[in-house]
Amino acid sequence: DARINRHFADADIPRLHRLLVEQICAEAGGPCVYSGESMEASHAGRQITEAEFNALVEHLVDAMEARKVPVAAQNRLLARLAPMRGDIIRR
């Protein structure tokens, strides 16, 4: 996605994927334990805008819809992830 690709240009994609899976699994009730840095620490200095944050959320919703995750379950997960927004945007 051209809106957010620049943030992932130097990323270790396999590690990022593993951490995203851990985080979503943990937020969804486990049994995973998130082993990455805090959202504030991992996004510090990245200057992520609200539009970029929203673009990533769109991709998450698209992925859940593609896997036929019920809307109620999607909403529960998004509600658990939403408080992280302030630690991610423009830090």
N, C-alpha and C. Protein backbone atom coordinates (compact mmCIF):
# COMPACT_ATOMS: atom_id res chain seq x y z
N ASP A 1 0.86 -1.17 0.00
CA ASP A 1 0.00 0.00 0.00
C ASP A 1 0.91 1.23 0.00
N ALA A 2 0.81 2.04 -1.01
CA ALA A 2 1.66 3.23 -1.15
C ALA A 2 1.50 4.20 0.01
N ARG A 3 0.37 4.12 0.70
CA ARG A 3 0.15 5.03 1.83
C ARG A 3 1.05 4.71 3.02
N ILE A 4 1.50 3.47 3.15
CA ILE A 4 2.25 3.08 4.34
C ILE A 4 3.55 2.32 4.05
N ASN A 5 3.83 2.01 2.80
CA ASN A 5 5.01 1.20 2.47
C ASN A 5 6.30 1.75 3.04
N ARG A 6 6.45 3.06 3.09
CA ARG A 6 7.72 3.65 3.53
C ARG A 6 8.06 3.23 4.96
N HIS A 7 7.08 2.96 5.76
CA HIS A 7 7.33 2.56 7.14
C HIS A 7 7.86 1.13 7.26
N PHE A 8 7.76 0.36 6.19
CA PHE A 8 8.18 -1.03 6.22
C PHE A 8 9.37 -1.32 5.32
N ALA A 9 9.93 -0.29 4.71
CA ALA A 9 11.03 -0.46 3.75
C ALA A 9 12.23 -1.19 4.36
N ASP A 10 12.55 -0.89 5.61
CA ASP A 10 13.72 -1.51 6.25
C ASP A 10 13.32 -2.53 7.31
N ALA A 11 12.07 -2.92 7.31
CA ALA A 11 11.58 -3.84 8.35
C ALA A 11 12.02 -5.27 8.10
N ASP A 12 12.20 -5.99 9.16
CA ASP A 12 12.41 -7.43 9.12
C ASP A 12 11.00 -8.04 9.05
N ILE A 13 10.53 -8.27 7.84
CA ILE A 13 9.13 -8.67 7.63
C ILE A 13 8.77 -9.98 8.34
N PRO A 14 9.61 -11.02 8.30
CA PRO A 14 9.23 -12.23 9.05
C PRO A 14 9.08 -11.96 10.55
N ARG A 15 9.95 -11.13 11.13
CA ARG A 15 9.84 -10.79 12.55
C ARG A 15 8.57 -9.97 12.80
N LEU A 16 8.31 -9.00 11.93
CA LEU A 16 7.11 -8.18 12.07
C LEU A 16 5.86 -9.05 12.01
N HIS A 17 5.83 -9.97 11.08
CA HIS A 17 4.69 -10.88 10.95
C HIS A 17 4.51 -11.69 12.24
N ARG A 18 5.60 -12.24 12.76
CA ARG A 18 5.53 -13.03 13.99
C ARG A 18 4.99 -12.20 15.15
N LEU A 19 5.49 -10.97 15.26
CA LEU A 19 5.05 -10.12 16.36
C LEU A 19 3.58 -9.69 16.21
N LEU A 20 3.16 -9.43 14.98
CA LEU A 20 1.75 -9.09 14.76
C LEU A 20 0.84 -10.26 15.14
N VAL A 21 1.24 -11.45 14.74
CA VAL A 21 0.46 -12.64 15.09
C VAL A 21 0.40 -12.79 16.61
N GLU A 22 1.56 -12.64 17.28
CA GLU A 22 1.59 -12.73 18.74
C GLU A 22 0.66 -11.71 19.37
N GLN A 23 0.77 -10.48 18.90
CA GLN A 23 -0.02 -9.41 19.50
C GLN A 23 -1.51 -9.62 19.30
N ILE A 24 -1.91 -9.95 18.10
CA ILE A 24 -3.33 -10.15 17.83
C ILE A 24 -3.84 -11.37 18.59
N CYS A 25 -3.05 -12.42 18.64
CA CYS A 25 -3.43 -13.62 19.41
C CYS A 25 -3.59 -13.28 20.88
N ALA A 26 -2.65 -12.54 21.43
CA ALA A 26 -2.72 -12.15 22.85
C ALA A 26 -3.94 -11.28 23.11
N GLU A 27 -4.19 -10.30 22.25
CA GLU A 27 -5.33 -9.41 22.42
C GLU A 27 -6.66 -10.13 22.25
N ALA A 28 -6.65 -11.20 21.45
CA ALA A 28 -7.87 -11.97 21.22
C ALA A 28 -8.14 -12.97 22.35
N GLY A 29 -7.26 -13.01 23.34
CA GLY A 29 -7.50 -13.89 24.47
C GLY A 29 -6.50 -15.02 24.62
N GLY A 30 -5.49 -15.04 23.79
CA GLY A 30 -4.40 -16.00 23.97
C GLY A 30 -4.59 -17.30 23.23
N PRO A 31 -3.65 -18.15 23.42
CA PRO A 31 -2.69 -18.28 24.51
C PRO A 31 -1.36 -17.57 24.27
N CYS A 32 -1.22 -16.84 23.21
CA CYS A 32 0.05 -16.19 22.89
C CYS A 32 0.40 -15.10 23.89
N VAL A 33 1.69 -14.84 23.99
CA VAL A 33 2.20 -13.74 24.79
C VAL A 33 3.00 -12.86 23.84
N TYR A 34 2.70 -11.57 23.81
CA TYR A 34 3.40 -10.63 22.94
C TYR A 34 4.80 -10.41 23.49
N SER A 35 5.82 -10.62 22.65
CA SER A 35 7.21 -10.52 23.10
C SER A 35 7.93 -9.29 22.54
N GLY A 36 7.21 -8.44 21.82
CA GLY A 36 7.84 -7.26 21.23
C GLY A 36 7.90 -6.09 22.19
N GLU A 37 8.46 -5.00 21.67
CA GLU A 37 8.53 -3.76 22.43
C GLU A 37 7.12 -3.18 22.60
N SER A 38 7.01 -2.21 23.48
CA SER A 38 5.73 -1.52 23.63
C SER A 38 5.42 -0.78 22.32
N MET A 39 4.18 -0.45 22.12
CA MET A 39 3.81 0.30 20.92
C MET A 39 4.49 1.67 20.91
N GLU A 40 4.59 2.29 22.05
CA GLU A 40 5.25 3.59 22.13
C GLU A 40 6.72 3.48 21.73
N ALA A 41 7.42 2.51 22.26
CA ALA A 41 8.84 2.34 21.95
C ALA A 41 9.06 1.94 20.50
N SER A 42 8.26 1.03 19.99
CA SER A 42 8.49 0.53 18.63
C SER A 42 8.09 1.53 17.55
N HIS A 43 7.29 2.54 17.90
CA HIS A 43 6.86 3.53 16.91
C HIS A 43 7.48 4.91 17.15
N ALA A 44 8.32 5.03 18.17
CA ALA A 44 8.95 6.32 18.49
C ALA A 44 9.74 6.85 17.30
N GLY A 45 9.52 8.10 16.98
CA GLY A 45 10.25 8.76 15.91
C GLY A 45 9.80 8.41 14.51
N ARG A 46 8.83 7.58 14.35
CA ARG A 46 8.39 7.15 13.01
C ARG A 46 7.44 8.14 12.36
N GLN A 47 6.91 9.07 13.12
CA GLN A 47 6.02 10.10 12.58
C GLN A 47 4.85 9.51 11.79
N ILE A 48 4.20 8.54 12.36
CA ILE A 48 3.04 7.90 11.73
C ILE A 48 1.84 8.83 11.87
N THR A 49 1.20 9.08 10.76
CA THR A 49 0.04 9.97 10.76
C THR A 49 -1.24 9.18 11.04
N GLU A 50 -2.29 9.91 11.34
CA GLU A 50 -3.59 9.27 11.55
C GLU A 50 -4.03 8.54 10.29
N ALA A 51 -3.80 9.13 9.13
CA ALA A 51 -4.19 8.49 7.87
C ALA A 51 -3.43 7.18 7.66
N GLU A 52 -2.15 7.16 8.01
CA GLU A 52 -1.36 5.94 7.87
C GLU A 52 -1.83 4.88 8.87
N PHE A 53 -2.11 5.30 10.08
CA PHE A 53 -2.65 4.37 11.08
C PHE A 53 -3.96 3.77 10.57
N ASN A 54 -4.83 4.61 10.05
CA ASN A 54 -6.13 4.13 9.54
C ASN A 54 -5.95 3.19 8.36
N ALA A 55 -4.94 3.43 7.53
CA ALA A 55 -4.69 2.54 6.40
C ALA A 55 -4.33 1.14 6.88
N LEU A 56 -3.52 1.06 7.92
CA LEU A 56 -3.16 -0.25 8.45
C LEU A 56 -4.38 -0.94 9.05
N VAL A 57 -5.22 -0.18 9.74
CA VAL A 57 -6.45 -0.75 10.30
C VAL A 57 -7.34 -1.29 9.17
N GLU A 58 -7.42 -0.56 8.06
CA GLU A 58 -8.19 -1.04 6.90
C GLU A 58 -7.67 -2.40 6.44
N HIS A 59 -6.35 -2.56 6.39
CA HIS A 59 -5.77 -3.84 5.98
C HIS A 59 -6.11 -4.95 6.97
N LEU A 60 -6.09 -4.63 8.25
CA LEU A 60 -6.45 -5.61 9.26
C LEU A 60 -7.91 -6.06 9.07
N VAL A 61 -8.80 -5.10 8.86
CA VAL A 61 -10.21 -5.42 8.65
C VAL A 61 -10.38 -6.26 7.38
N ASP A 62 -9.69 -5.87 6.31
CA ASP A 62 -9.76 -6.64 5.06
C ASP A 62 -9.30 -8.09 5.28
N ALA A 63 -8.22 -8.26 6.05
CA ALA A 63 -7.70 -9.61 6.32
C ALA A 63 -8.71 -10.42 7.12
N MET A 64 -9.35 -9.79 8.10
CA MET A 64 -10.35 -10.51 8.89
C MET A 64 -11.55 -10.87 8.04
N GLU A 65 -11.98 -9.95 7.18
CA GLU A 65 -13.13 -10.24 6.31
C GLU A 65 -12.79 -11.37 5.34
N ALA A 66 -11.58 -11.35 4.79
CA ALA A 66 -11.18 -12.40 3.85
C ALA A 66 -11.19 -13.78 4.51
N ARG A 67 -10.97 -13.80 5.83
CA ARG A 67 -10.96 -15.06 6.57
C ARG A 67 -12.29 -15.34 7.25
N LYS A 68 -13.29 -14.52 6.88
CA LYS A 68 -14.66 -14.70 7.35
C LYS A 68 -14.78 -14.63 8.88
N VAL A 69 -13.98 -13.75 9.50
CA VAL A 69 -14.11 -13.52 10.93
C VAL A 69 -15.41 -12.77 11.14
N PRO A 70 -16.27 -13.22 12.03
CA PRO A 70 -17.55 -12.53 12.26
C PRO A 70 -17.32 -11.07 12.67
N VAL A 71 -18.21 -10.21 12.22
CA VAL A 71 -18.09 -8.78 12.48
C VAL A 71 -18.02 -8.50 13.98
N ALA A 72 -18.78 -9.20 14.78
CA ALA A 72 -18.73 -8.98 16.23
C ALA A 72 -17.33 -9.27 16.78
N ALA A 73 -16.71 -10.33 16.30
CA ALA A 73 -15.35 -10.67 16.74
C ALA A 73 -14.35 -9.62 16.24
N GLN A 74 -14.54 -9.14 15.02
CA GLN A 74 -13.69 -8.08 14.50
C GLN A 74 -13.77 -6.85 15.40
N ASN A 75 -14.98 -6.48 15.74
CA ASN A 75 -15.19 -5.29 16.57
C ASN A 75 -14.58 -5.45 17.96
N ARG A 76 -14.67 -6.65 18.52
CA ARG A 76 -14.06 -6.88 19.84
C ARG A 76 -12.54 -6.73 19.76
N LEU A 77 -11.93 -7.28 18.71
CA LEU A 77 -10.49 -7.16 18.56
C LEU A 77 -10.09 -5.71 18.33
N LEU A 78 -10.79 -5.02 17.46
CA LEU A 78 -10.47 -3.61 17.18
C LEU A 78 -10.61 -2.76 18.43
N ALA A 79 -11.58 -3.06 19.26
CA ALA A 79 -11.77 -2.31 20.51
C ALA A 79 -10.60 -2.55 21.46
N ARG A 80 -10.03 -3.74 21.43
CA ARG A 80 -8.88 -4.04 22.29
C ARG A 80 -7.61 -3.40 21.76
N LEU A 81 -7.51 -3.23 20.45
CA LEU A 81 -6.33 -2.63 19.84
C LEU A 81 -6.39 -1.09 19.84
N ALA A 82 -7.58 -0.54 19.84
CA ALA A 82 -7.76 0.91 19.71
C ALA A 82 -6.99 1.74 20.73
N PRO A 83 -6.88 1.34 21.99
CA PRO A 83 -6.13 2.16 22.94
C PRO A 83 -4.65 2.34 22.58
N MET A 84 -4.13 1.52 21.70
CA MET A 84 -2.73 1.64 21.29
C MET A 84 -2.50 2.81 20.34
N ARG A 85 -3.58 3.32 19.77
CA ARG A 85 -3.50 4.39 18.78
C ARG A 85 -2.64 5.56 19.25
N GLY A 86 -2.86 6.00 20.47
CA GLY A 86 -2.11 7.14 21.01
C GLY A 86 -0.63 6.89 21.16
N ASP A 87 -0.24 5.62 21.27
CA ASP A 87 1.18 5.28 21.39
C ASP A 87 1.86 5.13 20.03
N ILE A 88 1.06 5.12 18.97
CA ILE A 88 1.58 4.87 17.63
C ILE A 88 1.68 6.14 16.78
N ILE A 89 0.68 6.98 16.87
CA ILE A 89 0.62 8.15 15.98
C ILE A 89 1.57 9.25 16.44
N ARG A 90 2.40 9.72 15.51
CA ARG A 90 3.32 10.86 15.65
C ARG A 90 4.15 10.85 16.93
N ARG A 91 4.81 9.78 17.19
CA ARG A 91 5.69 9.70 18.36
C ARG A 91 7.13 9.77 17.93
